[in-house]
């Protein structure tokens, strides 16, 4: 899905020295856009799938169990909270869960609700980044002439 968009850039970059490359810029731009549209369709199909949401639920239950287990082990919890590599969002959830046991569930429910838009945004961000790179490469073509 999103990874295939990266292939377009690799092919684009590999052919930069080719004279026909500059002539192919419009096709490359359309190719990025088409692959993004295909990724969006695939995502919507997955979001409509019970299997997808069952996987999400299973992963959330696993994460909830891990976080609750961590809350039960004070030494390990303190270590995780002190570790500078622990993501700030995780620190906030663990701190909140110490005084509000429902904080983990609230967080997981919020994440589940936001997941579709987050995935759509990733596709759009990747598409936009690839289009920007292709356009920068096209500027190289114009500067050579």
Protein backbone atom coordinates (compact mmCIF):
# COMPACT_ATOMS: atom_id res chain seq x y z
CA UNK A 1 0.00 0.00 0.00
CA UNK A 2 2.01 3.01 1.21
CA UNK A 3 5.33 1.25 0.68
CA UNK A 4 4.64 0.89 -3.04
CA UNK A 5 4.62 4.67 -3.31
CA UNK A 6 8.29 4.65 -2.34
CA UNK A 7 9.06 2.45 -5.32
CA UNK A 8 7.97 5.26 -7.63
CA UNK A 9 10.60 7.55 -6.16
CA UNK A 10 13.32 4.89 -6.40
CA UNK A 11 12.54 4.38 -10.07
CA UNK A 12 12.39 8.14 -10.58
CA UNK A 13 15.73 8.72 -8.91
CA UNK A 14 17.41 5.84 -10.72
CA UNK A 15 16.46 7.31 -14.08
CA UNK A 16 17.46 10.89 -13.31
CA UNK A 17 20.41 10.73 -15.68
CA UNK A 18 18.21 9.54 -18.53
CA UNK A 19 17.24 12.16 -21.13
CA UNK A 20 13.74 10.74 -21.27
CA UNK A 21 13.38 11.24 -17.53
CA UNK A 22 12.38 14.87 -17.86
CA UNK A 23 9.78 14.00 -20.48
CA UNK A 24 8.31 11.39 -18.12
CA UNK A 25 7.73 13.76 -15.18
CA UNK A 26 3.97 14.17 -15.85
CA UNK A 27 3.60 10.37 -16.04
CA UNK A 28 5.54 9.93 -12.82
CA UNK A 29 3.34 12.48 -11.05
CA UNK A 30 0.21 10.71 -12.27
CA UNK A 31 1.71 7.37 -11.21
CA UNK A 32 2.23 8.64 -7.64
CA UNK A 33 -1.32 9.97 -7.55
CA UNK A 34 -2.76 6.73 -8.94
CA UNK A 35 -0.87 4.61 -6.43
CA UNK A 36 -2.11 6.87 -3.63
CA UNK A 37 -5.69 6.44 -4.88
CA UNK A 38 -5.19 2.67 -4.97
CA UNK A 39 -3.79 2.75 -1.43
CA UNK A 40 -6.83 4.73 -0.29
CA UNK A 41 -9.22 2.21 -1.87
CA UNK A 42 -7.30 -0.66 -0.26
CA UNK A 43 -7.41 1.11 3.09
CA UNK A 44 -11.16 1.71 2.87
CA UNK A 45 -11.66 -1.98 2.05
CA UNK A 46 -9.59 -2.95 5.07
CA UNK A 47 -11.46 -0.51 7.31
CA UNK A 48 -14.73 -2.10 6.19
CA UNK A 49 -13.41 -5.56 7.09
CA UNK A 50 -14.35 -7.29 10.33
CA UNK A 51 -11.00 -9.08 10.20
CA UNK A 52 -9.11 -5.79 10.31
CA UNK A 53 -11.01 -4.57 13.36
CA UNK A 54 -10.62 -7.95 15.06
CA UNK A 55 -6.85 -7.59 14.62
CA UNK A 56 -6.99 -4.07 16.05
CA UNK A 57 -9.02 -5.30 19.03
CA UNK A 58 -6.60 -8.20 19.62
CA UNK A 59 -3.60 -5.85 19.55
CA UNK A 60 -5.32 -3.44 21.89
CA UNK A 61 -6.13 -6.21 24.37
CA UNK A 62 -2.48 -7.32 24.29
CA UNK A 63 -1.29 -3.76 24.87
CA UNK A 64 -3.81 -3.28 27.67
CA UNK A 65 -2.61 -6.49 29.36
CA UNK A 66 1.04 -5.41 29.02
CA UNK A 67 0.37 -1.96 30.44
CA UNK A 68 -1.68 -3.36 33.34
CA UNK A 69 1.10 -5.86 34.09
CA UNK A 70 3.60 -3.02 34.06
CA UNK A 71 1.45 -1.06 36.51
CA UNK A 72 1.58 -4.04 38.89
CA UNK A 73 5.41 -4.13 38.89
CA UNK A 74 6.51 -0.96 40.66
CA UNK A 75 10.23 -1.44 39.97
CA UNK A 76 9.74 -2.02 36.27
CA UNK A 77 7.21 0.83 36.07
CA UNK A 78 9.65 3.25 37.71
CA UNK A 79 12.36 2.13 35.26
CA UNK A 80 10.10 2.70 32.26
CA UNK A 81 9.00 6.10 33.54
CA UNK A 82 12.63 7.19 34.11
CA UNK A 83 13.86 5.96 30.75
CA UNK A 84 14.39 8.97 28.43
CA UNK A 85 13.54 6.76 25.45
CA UNK A 86 10.03 6.05 26.71
CA UNK A 87 7.62 7.99 24.49
CA UNK A 88 6.03 10.94 26.33
CA UNK A 89 2.54 9.70 25.45
CA UNK A 90 3.25 6.36 27.16
CA UNK A 91 4.61 8.14 30.24
CA UNK A 92 1.43 10.24 30.40
CA UNK A 93 -0.82 7.17 30.09
CA UNK A 94 1.07 5.24 32.76
CA UNK A 95 1.03 8.22 35.11
CA UNK A 96 -2.68 8.75 34.55
CA UNK A 97 -3.44 5.03 34.99
CA UNK A 98 -1.83 5.02 38.43
CA UNK A 99 -4.60 7.28 39.73
CA UNK A 100 -7.31 6.50 37.14
CA UNK A 101 -7.44 2.79 36.26
CA UNK A 102 -9.75 3.55 33.33
CA UNK A 103 -7.11 5.77 31.66
CA UNK A 104 -5.70 2.90 29.60
CA UNK A 105 -9.13 1.96 28.23
CA UNK A 106 -9.90 5.59 27.46
CA UNK A 107 -6.63 5.94 25.59
CA UNK A 108 -7.13 2.72 23.61
CA UNK A 109 -10.69 3.70 22.68
CA UNK A 110 -9.47 7.09 21.51
CA UNK A 111 -6.73 5.46 19.45
CA UNK A 112 -9.23 3.09 17.86
CA UNK A 113 -11.51 5.98 16.91
CA UNK A 114 -8.63 7.97 15.41
CA UNK A 115 -7.06 5.05 13.55
CA UNK A 116 -8.91 5.44 10.22
CA UNK A 117 -7.99 9.11 9.91
CA UNK A 118 -4.40 8.46 11.00
CA UNK A 119 -4.02 5.82 8.28
CA UNK A 120 -5.57 8.09 5.66
CA UNK A 121 -3.23 10.88 6.73
CA UNK A 122 -0.19 8.61 6.33
CA UNK A 123 -1.18 7.86 2.75
CA UNK A 124 -1.71 11.56 2.01
CA UNK A 125 1.56 12.58 3.67
CA UNK A 126 3.49 9.92 1.75
CA UNK A 127 1.84 10.95 -1.52
CA UNK A 128 2.60 14.60 -0.88
CA UNK A 129 6.23 13.87 0.02
CA UNK A 130 6.73 11.79 -3.13
CA UNK A 131 5.09 14.44 -5.30
CA UNK A 132 7.34 17.06 -3.76
CA UNK A 133 10.42 14.95 -4.48
CA UNK A 134 9.35 14.35 -8.08
CA UNK A 135 8.71 18.08 -8.50
CA UNK A 136 12.15 18.85 -7.08
CA UNK A 137 13.66 16.41 -9.56
CA UNK A 138 11.71 18.09 -12.35
CA UNK A 139 13.25 21.42 -11.33
CA UNK A 140 16.62 19.75 -11.90
CA UNK A 141 15.50 18.99 -15.45
CA UNK A 142 14.55 22.60 -16.06
CA UNK A 143 17.83 23.87 -14.62
CA UNK A 144 19.82 21.61 -17.00
CA UNK A 145 18.27 23.19 -20.08
